[in-house]
């Protein structure tokens, strides 16, 4: 391929629903939904297929509470469909049930 296609973000650095500030990891589920860890925005965003903006499903505020993140990096699904997040600056791995997000 010679050229890439923007599928999420591409609207400059920032914290808007259509922006990122240091995206770190991405997953795609069977429906084509993107899950993106956005390090400096301390959040995990979900982008539905062909969407022009995402929804913050985890975090969004830096902190140590169980609903907060501090520079999330790697994300992955376990065999049950839960999302695991490597929360770098909190030195922890958190598990989130996506049916409650």
PDB file of N, CA and C in Angstrom:
ATOM      1  N   UNK A   1       0.839  -1.183   0.000  1.00  0.00           N
ATOM      2  CA  UNK A   1       0.000   0.000   0.000  1.00  0.00           C
ATOM      3  C   UNK A   1       0.879   1.240   0.000  1.00  0.00           C
ATOM      4  N   UNK A   2       0.452   2.225  -0.712  1.00  0.00           N
ATOM      5  CA  UNK A   2       1.187   3.477  -0.795  1.00  0.00           C
ATOM      6  C   UNK A   2       0.669   4.511   0.183  1.00  0.00           C
ATOM      7  N   UNK A   3      -0.635   4.514   0.420  1.00  0.00           N
ATOM      8  CA  UNK A   3      -1.261   5.511   1.281  1.00  0.00           C
ATOM      9  C   UNK A   3      -2.116   4.839   2.349  1.00  0.00           C
ATOM     10  N   UNK A   4      -2.132   5.425   3.533  1.00  0.00           N
ATOM     11  CA  UNK A   4      -2.995   4.936   4.604  1.00  0.00           C
ATOM     12  C   UNK A   4      -4.303   5.711   4.634  1.00  0.00           C
ATOM     13  N   UNK A   5      -5.279   5.148   5.298  1.00  0.00           N
ATOM     14  CA  UNK A   5      -6.578   5.782   5.480  1.00  0.00           C
ATOM     15  C   UNK A   5      -6.796   6.031   6.962  1.00  0.00           C
ATOM     16  N   UNK A   6      -7.120   7.249   7.327  1.00  0.00           N
ATOM     17  CA  UNK A   6      -7.391   7.576   8.724  1.00  0.00           C
ATOM     18  C   UNK A   6      -8.716   6.935   9.128  1.00  0.00           C
ATOM     19  N   UNK A   7      -8.691   6.126  10.175  1.00  0.00           N
ATOM     20  CA  UNK A   7      -9.914   5.481  10.670  1.00  0.00           C
ATOM     21  C   UNK A   7     -10.317   5.992  12.053  1.00  0.00           C
ATOM     22  N   UNK A   8      -9.441   6.766  12.705  1.00  0.00           N
ATOM     23  CA  UNK A   8      -9.745   7.364  14.008  1.00  0.00           C
ATOM     24  C   UNK A   8      -8.771   8.512  14.232  1.00  0.00           C
ATOM     25  N   UNK A   9      -9.273   9.603  14.769  1.00  0.00           N
ATOM     26  CA  UNK A   9      -8.416  10.757  15.027  1.00  0.00           C
ATOM     27  C   UNK A   9      -8.097  11.514  13.752  1.00  0.00           C
ATOM     28  N   UNK A  10      -6.869  12.022  13.668  1.00  0.00           N
ATOM     29  CA  UNK A  10      -6.451  12.777  12.499  1.00  0.00           C
ATOM     30  C   UNK A  10      -6.856  14.233  12.549  1.00  0.00           C
ATOM     31  N   UNK A  11      -7.318  14.682  13.702  1.00  0.00           N
ATOM     32  CA  UNK A  11      -7.782  16.058  13.861  1.00  0.00           C
ATOM     33  C   UNK A  11      -6.883  16.855  14.801  1.00  0.00           C
ATOM     34  N   UNK A  12      -5.609  16.561  14.774  1.00  0.00           N
ATOM     35  CA  UNK A  12      -4.651  17.248  15.624  1.00  0.00           C
ATOM     36  C   UNK A  12      -4.624  16.681  17.033  1.00  0.00           C
ATOM     37  N   UNK A  13      -3.622  17.104  17.776  1.00  0.00           N
ATOM     38  CA  UNK A  13      -3.474  16.654  19.154  1.00  0.00           C
ATOM     39  C   UNK A  13      -4.517  17.349  20.025  1.00  0.00           C
ATOM     40  N   UNK A  14      -5.107  16.613  20.952  1.00  0.00           N
ATOM     41  CA  UNK A  14      -6.098  17.214  21.833  1.00  0.00           C
ATOM     42  C   UNK A  14      -6.872  16.175  22.610  1.00  0.00           C
ATOM     43  N   UNK A  15      -7.901  16.640  23.298  1.00  0.00           N
ATOM     44  CA  UNK A  15      -8.711  15.750  24.130  1.00  0.00           C
ATOM     45  C   UNK A  15     -10.156  15.665  23.659  1.00  0.00           C
ATOM     46  N   UNK A  16     -10.446  16.196  22.479  1.00  0.00           N
ATOM     47  CA  UNK A  16     -11.793  16.099  21.936  1.00  0.00           C
ATOM     48  C   UNK A  16     -12.149  14.665  21.584  1.00  0.00           C
ATOM     49  N   UNK A  17     -13.419  14.417  21.344  1.00  0.00           N
ATOM     50  CA  UNK A  17     -13.887  13.065  21.014  1.00  0.00           C
ATOM     51  C   UNK A  17     -13.314  12.561  19.696  1.00  0.00           C
ATOM     52  N   UNK A  18     -12.806  13.468  18.857  1.00  0.00           N
ATOM     53  CA  UNK A  18     -12.220  13.074  17.575  1.00  0.00           C
ATOM     54  C   UNK A  18     -10.710  13.309  17.542  1.00  0.00           C
ATOM     55  N   UNK A  19     -10.084  13.397  18.728  1.00  0.00           N
ATOM     56  CA  UNK A  19      -8.652  13.656  18.831  1.00  0.00           C
ATOM     57  C   UNK A  19      -7.985  12.674  19.797  1.00  0.00           C
ATOM     58  N   UNK A  20      -6.658  12.585  19.669  1.00  0.00           N
ATOM     59  CA  UNK A  20      -5.840  11.797  20.590  1.00  0.00           C
ATOM     60  C   UNK A  20      -4.651  12.621  21.045  1.00  0.00           C
ATOM     61  N   UNK A  21      -4.077  12.203  22.163  1.00  0.00           N
ATOM     62  CA  UNK A  21      -2.825  12.752  22.646  1.00  0.00           C
ATOM     63  C   UNK A  21      -1.989  11.570  23.111  1.00  0.00           C
ATOM     64  N   UNK A  22      -1.239  11.016  22.197  1.00  0.00           N
ATOM     65  CA  UNK A  22      -0.376   9.859  22.411  1.00  0.00           C
ATOM     66  C   UNK A  22      -1.147   8.536  22.453  1.00  0.00           C
ATOM     67  N   UNK A  23      -1.823   8.195  21.329  1.00  0.00           N
ATOM     68  CA  UNK A  23      -2.462   6.873  21.274  1.00  0.00           C
ATOM     69  C   UNK A  23      -1.400   5.786  21.381  1.00  0.00           C
ATOM     70  N   UNK A  24      -1.673   4.756  22.183  1.00  0.00           N
ATOM     71  CA  UNK A  24      -0.656   3.755  22.495  1.00  0.00           C
ATOM     72  C   UNK A  24      -0.953   2.365  21.960  1.00  0.00           C
ATOM     73  N   UNK A  25      -2.216   1.957  21.974  1.00  0.00           N
ATOM     74  CA  UNK A  25      -2.558   0.589  21.600  1.00  0.00           C
ATOM     75  C   UNK A  25      -3.956   0.589  21.007  1.00  0.00           C
ATOM     76  N   UNK A  26      -4.209  -0.380  20.123  1.00  0.00           N
ATOM     77  CA  UNK A  26      -5.509  -0.456  19.463  1.00  0.00           C
ATOM     78  C   UNK A  26      -5.933  -1.912  19.333  1.00  0.00           C
ATOM     79  N   UNK A  27      -7.237  -2.138  19.505  1.00  0.00           N
ATOM     80  CA  UNK A  27      -7.850  -3.451  19.289  1.00  0.00           C
ATOM     81  C   UNK A  27      -9.047  -3.269  18.376  1.00  0.00           C
ATOM     82  N   UNK A  28      -9.369  -4.294  17.630  1.00  0.00           N
ATOM     83  CA  UNK A  28     -10.562  -4.291  16.785  1.00  0.00           C
ATOM     84  C   UNK A  28     -11.368  -5.532  17.133  1.00  0.00           C
ATOM     85  N   UNK A  29     -12.668  -5.352  17.434  1.00  0.00           N
ATOM     86  CA  UNK A  29     -13.501  -6.512  17.736  1.00  0.00           C
ATOM     87  C   UNK A  29     -14.149  -7.058  16.463  1.00  0.00           C
ATOM     88  N   UNK A  30     -14.963  -8.082  16.601  1.00  0.00           N
ATOM     89  CA  UNK A  30     -15.570  -8.753  15.444  1.00  0.00           C
ATOM     90  C   UNK A  30     -16.519  -7.860  14.662  1.00  0.00           C
ATOM     91  N   UNK A  31     -17.051  -6.820  15.307  1.00  0.00           N
ATOM     92  CA  UNK A  31     -17.971  -5.896  14.639  1.00  0.00           C
ATOM     93  C   UNK A  31     -17.239  -4.740  13.961  1.00  0.00           C
ATOM     94  N   UNK A  32     -15.917  -4.716  14.090  1.00  0.00           N
ATOM     95  CA  UNK A  32     -15.132  -3.632  13.505  1.00  0.00           C
ATOM     96  C   UNK A  32     -15.012  -2.418  14.400  1.00  0.00           C
ATOM     97  N   UNK A  33     -15.412  -2.549  15.659  1.00  0.00           N
ATOM     98  CA  UNK A  33     -15.284  -1.461  16.625  1.00  0.00           C
ATOM     99  C   UNK A  33     -13.833  -1.368  17.077  1.00  0.00           C
ATOM    100  N   UNK A  34     -13.309  -0.143  17.139  1.00  0.00           N
ATOM    101  CA  UNK A  34     -11.941   0.095  17.581  1.00  0.00           C
ATOM    102  C   UNK A  34     -11.930   0.459  19.063  1.00  0.00           C
ATOM    103  N   UNK A  35     -10.958  -0.058  19.782  1.00  0.00           N
ATOM    104  CA  UNK A  35     -10.704   0.298  21.178  1.00  0.00           C
ATOM    105  C   UNK A  35      -9.282   0.840  21.217  1.00  0.00           C
ATOM    106  N   UNK A  36      -9.119   2.076  21.692  1.00  0.00           N
ATOM    107  CA  UNK A  36      -7.836   2.760  21.590  1.00  0.00           C
ATOM    108  C   UNK A  36      -7.437   3.307  22.954  1.00  0.00           C
ATOM    109  N   UNK A  37      -6.222   2.966  23.393  1.00  0.00           N
ATOM    110  CA  UNK A  37      -5.698   3.568  24.620  1.00  0.00           C
ATOM    111  C   UNK A  37      -5.040   4.892  24.244  1.00  0.00           C
ATOM    112  N   UNK A  38      -5.456   5.947  24.908  1.00  0.00           N
ATOM    113  CA  UNK A  38      -5.020   7.312  24.626  1.00  0.00           C
ATOM    114  C   UNK A  38      -4.237   7.801  25.839  1.00  0.00           C
ATOM    115  N   UNK A  39      -2.920   7.574  25.802  1.00  0.00           N
ATOM    116  CA  UNK A  39      -2.056   7.756  26.960  1.00  0.00           C
ATOM    117  C   UNK A  39      -2.176   9.073  27.698  1.00  0.00           C
ATOM    118  N   UNK A  40      -1.899  10.180  27.023  1.00  0.00           N
ATOM    119  CA  UNK A  40      -1.887  11.471  27.714  1.00  0.00           C
ATOM    120  C   UNK A  40      -3.273  12.005  28.036  1.00  0.00           C
ATOM    121  N   UNK A  41      -4.315  11.420  27.454  1.00  0.00           N
ATOM    122  CA  UNK A  41      -5.680  11.784  27.840  1.00  0.00           C
ATOM    123  C   UNK A  41      -6.240  10.840  28.901  1.00  0.00           C
ATOM    124  N   UNK A  42      -5.427   9.863  29.316  1.00  0.00           N
ATOM    125  CA  UNK A  42      -5.789   8.960  30.418  1.00  0.00           C
ATOM    126  C   UNK A  42      -7.139   8.292  30.198  1.00  0.00           C
ATOM    127  N   UNK A  43      -7.338   7.770  28.984  1.00  0.00           N
ATOM    128  CA  UNK A  43      -8.644   7.202  28.650  1.00  0.00           C
ATOM    129  C   UNK A  43      -8.527   6.062  27.650  1.00  0.00           C
ATOM    130  N   UNK A  44      -9.594   5.273  27.612  1.00  0.00           N
ATOM    131  CA  UNK A  44      -9.800   4.281  26.565  1.00  0.00           C
ATOM    132  C   UNK A  44     -11.012   4.750  25.782  1.00  0.00           C
ATOM    133  N   UNK A  45     -10.857   4.840  24.480  1.00  0.00           N
ATOM    134  CA  UNK A  45     -11.964   5.259  23.633  1.00  0.00           C
ATOM    135  C   UNK A  45     -12.461   4.097  22.791  1.00  0.00           C
ATOM    136  N   UNK A  46     -13.773   4.116  22.537  1.00  0.00           N
ATOM    137  CA  UNK A  46     -14.402   3.147  21.637  1.00  0.00           C
ATOM    138  C   UNK A  46     -14.888   3.926  20.407  1.00  0.00           C
ATOM    139  N   UNK A  47     -14.461   3.461  19.240  1.00  0.00           N
ATOM    140  CA  UNK A  47     -14.886   4.052  17.971  1.00  0.00           C
ATOM    141  C   UNK A  47     -15.658   2.994  17.201  1.00  0.00           C
ATOM    142  N   UNK A  48     -16.940   3.241  16.988  1.00  0.00           N
ATOM    143  CA  UNK A  48     -17.737   2.327  16.182  1.00  0.00           C
ATOM    144  C   UNK A  48     -17.264   2.384  14.737  1.00  0.00           C
ATOM    145  N   UNK A  49     -17.487   1.327  14.002  1.00  0.00           N
ATOM    146  CA  UNK A  49     -17.055   1.252  12.610  1.00  0.00           C
ATOM    147  C   UNK A  49     -17.597   2.452  11.831  1.00  0.00           C
ATOM    148  N   UNK A  50     -16.716   3.113  11.090  1.00  0.00           N
ATOM    149  CA  UNK A  50     -17.016   4.278  10.247  1.00  0.00           C
ATOM    150  C   UNK A  50     -17.422   5.528  11.027  1.00  0.00           C
ATOM    151  N   UNK A  51     -17.186   5.563  12.332  1.00  0.00           N
ATOM    152  CA  UNK A  51     -17.518   6.743  13.141  1.00  0.00           C
ATOM    153  C   UNK A  51     -16.517   7.865  12.878  1.00  0.00           C
ATOM    154  N   UNK A  52     -16.935   9.099  13.137  1.00  0.00           N
ATOM    155  CA  UNK A  52     -16.048  10.253  13.001  1.00  0.00           C
ATOM    156  C   UNK A  52     -15.563  10.758  14.355  1.00  0.00           C
ATOM    157  N   UNK A  53     -16.028  10.136  15.433  1.00  0.00           N
ATOM    158  CA  UNK A  53     -15.537  10.451  16.770  1.00  0.00           C
ATOM    159  C   UNK A  53     -15.731   9.225  17.659  1.00  0.00           C
ATOM    160  N   UNK A  54     -15.030   9.245  18.773  1.00  0.00           N
ATOM    161  CA  UNK A  54     -15.101   8.126  19.703  1.00  0.00           C
ATOM    162  C   UNK A  54     -15.826   8.500  20.976  1.00  0.00           C
ATOM    163  N   UNK A  55     -16.054   7.492  21.803  1.00  0.00           N
ATOM    164  CA  UNK A  55     -16.674   7.665  23.113  1.00  0.00           C
ATOM    165  C   UNK A  55     -15.697   7.172  24.167  1.00  0.00           C
ATOM    166  N   UNK A  56     -15.459   7.974  25.178  1.00  0.00           N
ATOM    167  CA  UNK A  56     -14.603   7.539  26.280  1.00  0.00           C
ATOM    168  C   UNK A  56     -15.383   6.538  27.118  1.00  0.00           C
ATOM    169  N   UNK A  57     -14.874   5.312  27.204  1.00  0.00           N
ATOM    170  CA  UNK A  57     -15.562   4.271  27.962  1.00  0.00           C
ATOM    171  C   UNK A  57     -14.882   3.972  29.291  1.00  0.00           C
ATOM    172  N   UNK A  58     -13.616   4.359  29.416  1.00  0.00           N
ATOM    173  CA  UNK A  58     -12.869   4.151  30.660  1.00  0.00           C
ATOM    174  C   UNK A  58     -11.973   5.366  30.860  1.00  0.00           C
ATOM    175  N   UNK A  59     -11.941   5.871  32.079  1.00  0.00           N
ATOM    176  CA  UNK A  59     -11.029   6.954  32.415  1.00  0.00           C
ATOM    177  C   UNK A  59     -11.476   8.302  31.888  1.00  0.00           C
ATOM    178  N   UNK A  60     -10.479   9.095  31.505  1.00  0.00           N
ATOM    179  CA  UNK A  60     -10.711  10.455  31.052  1.00  0.00           C
ATOM    180  C   UNK A  60     -10.214  11.477  32.052  1.00  0.00           C
ATOM    181  N   UNK A  61      -9.968  11.022  33.276  1.00  0.00           N
ATOM    182  CA  UNK A  61      -9.414  11.862  34.333  1.00  0.00           C
ATOM    183  C   UNK A  61      -8.242  11.119  34.952  1.00  0.00           C
ATOM    184  N   UNK A  62      -7.102  11.778  35.029  1.00  0.00           N
ATOM    185  CA  UNK A  62      -5.933  11.145  35.626  1.00  0.00           C
ATOM    186  C   UNK A  62      -6.157  10.922  37.109  1.00  0.00           C
ATOM    187  N   UNK A  63      -5.820   9.716  37.573  1.00  0.00           N
ATOM    188  CA  UNK A  63      -5.945   9.426  38.993  1.00  0.00           C
ATOM    189  C   UNK A  63      -5.694   7.971  39.298  1.00  0.00           C
ATOM    190  N   UNK A  64      -5.911   7.619  40.558  1.00  0.00           N
ATOM    191  CA  UNK A  64      -5.630   6.261  41.022  1.00  0.00           C
ATOM    192  C   UNK A  64      -6.878   5.468  41.377  1.00  0.00           C
ATOM    193  N   UNK A  65      -8.054   6.079  41.302  1.00  0.00           N
ATOM    194  CA  UNK A  65      -9.296   5.358  41.598  1.00  0.00           C
ATOM    195  C   UNK A  65      -9.524   4.274  40.547  1.00  0.00           C
ATOM    196  N   UNK A  66     -10.412   3.339  40.838  1.00  0.00           N
ATOM    197  CA  UNK A  66     -10.628   2.210  39.927  1.00  0.00           C
ATOM    198  C   UNK A  66     -11.271   2.623  38.607  1.00  0.00           C
ATOM    199  N   UNK A  67     -11.832   3.825  38.533  1.00  0.00           N
ATOM    200  CA  UNK A  67     -12.408   4.313  37.280  1.00  0.00           C
ATOM    201  C   UNK A  67     -11.526   5.370  36.615  1.00  0.00           C
ATOM    202  N   UNK A  68     -10.277   5.467  37.072  1.00  0.00           N
ATOM    203  CA  UNK A  68      -9.330   6.427  36.519  1.00  0.00           C
ATOM    204  C   UNK A  68      -8.087   5.707  36.017  1.00  0.00           C
ATOM    205  N   UNK A  69      -7.385   6.359  35.098  1.00  0.00           N
ATOM    206  CA  UNK A  69      -6.147   5.827  34.543  1.00  0.00           C
ATOM    207  C   UNK A  69      -5.070   6.902  34.619  1.00  0.00           C
ATOM    208  N   UNK A  70      -3.816   6.453  34.512  1.00  0.00           N
ATOM    209  CA  UNK A  70      -2.693   7.372  34.446  1.00  0.00           C
ATOM    210  C   UNK A  70      -1.728   6.848  33.391  1.00  0.00           C
ATOM    211  N   UNK A  71      -1.923   7.301  32.174  1.00  0.00           N
ATOM    212  CA  UNK A  71      -1.175   6.915  30.982  1.00  0.00           C
ATOM    213  C   UNK A  71      -1.363   5.425  30.644  1.00  0.00           C
ATOM    214  N   UNK A  72      -2.575   5.067  30.220  1.00  0.00           N
ATOM    215  CA  UNK A  72      -2.811   3.682  29.795  1.00  0.00           C
ATOM    216  C   UNK A  72      -2.027   3.368  28.530  1.00  0.00           C
ATOM    217  N   UNK A  73      -1.464   2.183  28.481  1.00  0.00           N
ATOM    218  CA  UNK A  73      -0.699   1.783  27.299  1.00  0.00           C
ATOM    219  C   UNK A  73      -1.364   0.591  26.623  1.00  0.00           C
ATOM    220  N   UNK A  74      -0.886  -0.592  26.872  1.00  0.00           N
ATOM    221  CA  UNK A  74      -1.361  -1.789  26.185  1.00  0.00           C
ATOM    222  C   UNK A  74      -2.757  -2.170  26.646  1.00  0.00           C
ATOM    223  N   UNK A  75      -3.577  -2.588  25.692  1.00  0.00           N
ATOM    224  CA  UNK A  75      -4.906  -3.110  25.998  1.00  0.00           C
ATOM    225  C   UNK A  75      -5.081  -4.437  25.280  1.00  0.00           C
ATOM    226  N   UNK A  76      -5.877  -5.328  25.880  1.00  0.00           N
ATOM    227  CA  UNK A  76      -6.201  -6.595  25.218  1.00  0.00           C
ATOM    228  C   UNK A  76      -7.479  -7.162  25.789  1.00  0.00           C
ATOM    229  N   UNK A  77      -8.101  -8.033  25.001  1.00  0.00           N
ATOM    230  CA  UNK A  77      -9.295  -8.742  25.448  1.00  0.00           C
ATOM    231  C   UNK A  77      -8.892 -10.082  26.040  1.00  0.00           C
ATOM    232  N   UNK A  78      -9.550 -10.492  27.132  1.00  0.00           N
ATOM    233  CA  UNK A  78      -9.368 -11.856  27.613  1.00  0.00           C
ATOM    234  C   UNK A  78     -10.369 -12.761  26.899  1.00  0.00           C
ATOM    235  N   UNK A  79     -10.362 -14.044  27.217  1.00  0.00           N
ATOM    236  CA  UNK A  79     -11.216 -14.991  26.498  1.00  0.00           C
ATOM    237  C   UNK A  79     -12.700 -14.781  26.771  1.00  0.00           C
ATOM    238  N   UNK A  80     -13.040 -13.964  27.769  1.00  0.00           N
ATOM    239  CA  UNK A  80     -14.438 -13.681  28.095  1.00  0.00           C
ATOM    240  C   UNK A  80     -14.917 -12.347  27.516  1.00  0.00           C
ATOM    241  N   UNK A  81     -14.034 -11.639  26.825  1.00  0.00           N
ATOM    242  CA  UNK A  81     -14.397 -10.353  26.242  1.00  0.00           C
ATOM    243  C   UNK A  81     -14.180  -9.168  27.157  1.00  0.00           C
ATOM    244  N   UNK A  82     -13.567  -9.398  28.325  1.00  0.00           N
ATOM    245  CA  UNK A  82     -13.218  -8.287  29.209  1.00  0.00           C
ATOM    246  C   UNK A  82     -12.004  -7.567  28.644  1.00  0.00           C
ATOM    247  N   UNK A  83     -11.896  -6.287  28.937  1.00  0.00           N
ATOM    248  CA  UNK A  83     -10.764  -5.496  28.470  1.00  0.00           C
ATOM    249  C   UNK A  83      -9.763  -5.327  29.603  1.00  0.00           C
ATOM    250  N   UNK A  84      -8.527  -5.721  29.356  1.00  0.00           N
ATOM    251  CA  UNK A  84      -7.444  -5.528  30.317  1.00  0.00           C
ATOM    252  C   UNK A  84      -6.619  -4.330  29.871  1.00  0.00           C
ATOM    253  N   UNK A  85      -6.269  -3.468  30.832  1.00  0.00           N
ATOM    254  CA  UNK A  85      -5.543  -2.236  30.541  1.00  0.00           C
ATOM    255  C   UNK A  85      -4.266  -2.194  31.372  1.00  0.00           C
ATOM    256  N   UNK A  86      -3.130  -2.013  30.700  1.00  0.00           N
ATOM    257  CA  UNK A  86      -1.870  -1.763  31.396  1.00  0.00           C
ATOM    258  C   UNK A  86      -1.827  -0.269  31.713  1.00  0.00           C
ATOM    259  N   UNK A  87      -2.035   0.056  32.983  1.00  0.00           N
ATOM    260  CA  UNK A  87      -2.128   1.432  33.467  1.00  0.00           C
ATOM    261  C   UNK A  87      -0.736   1.839  33.951  1.00  0.00           C
ATOM    262  N   UNK A  88       0.067   2.357  33.026  1.00  0.00           N
ATOM    263  CA  UNK A  88       1.506   2.535  33.217  1.00  0.00           C
ATOM    264  C   UNK A  88       1.893   3.266  34.501  1.00  0.00           C
ATOM    265  N   UNK A  89       1.451   4.487  34.660  1.00  0.00           N
ATOM    266  CA  UNK A  89       1.932   5.290  35.785  1.00  0.00           C
ATOM    267  C   UNK A  89       1.247   4.971  37.110  1.00  0.00           C
ATOM    268  N   UNK A  90       0.216   4.126  37.070  1.00  0.00           N
ATOM    269  CA  UNK A  90      -0.363   3.596  38.306  1.00  0.00           C
ATOM    270  C   UNK A  90       0.218   2.223  38.634  1.00  0.00           C
ATOM    271  N   UNK A  91       1.079   1.715  37.764  1.00  0.00           N
ATOM    272  CA  UNK A  91       1.783   0.450  37.999  1.00  0.00           C
ATOM    273  C   UNK A  91       0.814  -0.690  38.293  1.00  0.00           C
ATOM    274  N   UNK A  92      -0.211  -0.817  37.423  1.00  0.00           N
ATOM    275  CA  UNK A  92      -1.219  -1.857  37.635  1.00  0.00           C
ATOM    276  C   UNK A  92      -1.831  -2.286  36.306  1.00  0.00           C
ATOM    277  N   UNK A  93      -2.466  -3.442  36.356  1.00  0.00           N
ATOM    278  CA  UNK A  93      -3.275  -3.943  35.250  1.00  0.00           C
ATOM    279  C   UNK A  93      -4.709  -3.959  35.756  1.00  0.00           C
ATOM    280  N   UNK A  94      -5.603  -3.353  35.015  1.00  0.00           N
ATOM    281  CA  UNK A  94      -7.015  -3.329  35.411  1.00  0.00           C
ATOM    282  C   UNK A  94      -7.843  -4.127  34.414  1.00  0.00           C
ATOM    283  N   UNK A  95      -8.891  -4.766  34.915  1.00  0.00           N
ATOM    284  CA  UNK A  95      -9.822  -5.528  34.091  1.00  0.00           C
ATOM    285  C   UNK A  95     -11.167  -4.817  34.115  1.00  0.00           C
ATOM    286  N   UNK A  96     -11.748  -4.620  32.927  1.00  0.00           N
ATOM    287  CA  UNK A  96     -13.040  -3.949  32.801  1.00  0.00           C
ATOM    288  C   UNK A  96     -13.999  -4.839  32.034  1.00  0.00           C
ATOM    289  N   UNK A  97     -15.200  -4.996  32.571  1.00  0.00           N
ATOM    290  CA  UNK A  97     -16.270  -5.716  31.894  1.00  0.00           C
ATOM    291  C   UNK A  97     -16.941  -4.723  30.955  1.00  0.00           C
ATOM    292  N   UNK A  98     -16.823  -4.934  29.654  1.00  0.00           N
ATOM    293  CA  UNK A  98     -17.320  -3.961  28.684  1.00  0.00           C
ATOM    294  C   UNK A  98     -18.832  -3.869  28.635  1.00  0.00           C
ATOM    295  N   UNK A  99     -19.534  -4.838  29.193  1.00  0.00           N
ATOM    296  CA  UNK A  99     -20.995  -4.731  29.201  1.00  0.00           C
ATOM    297  C   UNK A  99     -21.459  -3.654  30.174  1.00  0.00           C
ATOM    298  N   UNK A 100     -20.564  -3.205  31.060  1.00  0.00           N
ATOM    299  CA  UNK A 100     -20.920  -2.143  31.995  1.00  0.00           C
ATOM    300  C   UNK A 100     -20.313  -0.807  31.599  1.00  0.00           C
ATOM    301  N   UNK A 101     -19.595  -0.764  30.485  1.00  0.00           N
ATOM    302  CA  UNK A 101     -18.960   0.490  30.035  1.00  0.00           C
ATOM    303  C   UNK A 101     -19.854   1.231  29.064  1.00  0.00           C
TER     304      UNK A 101
END
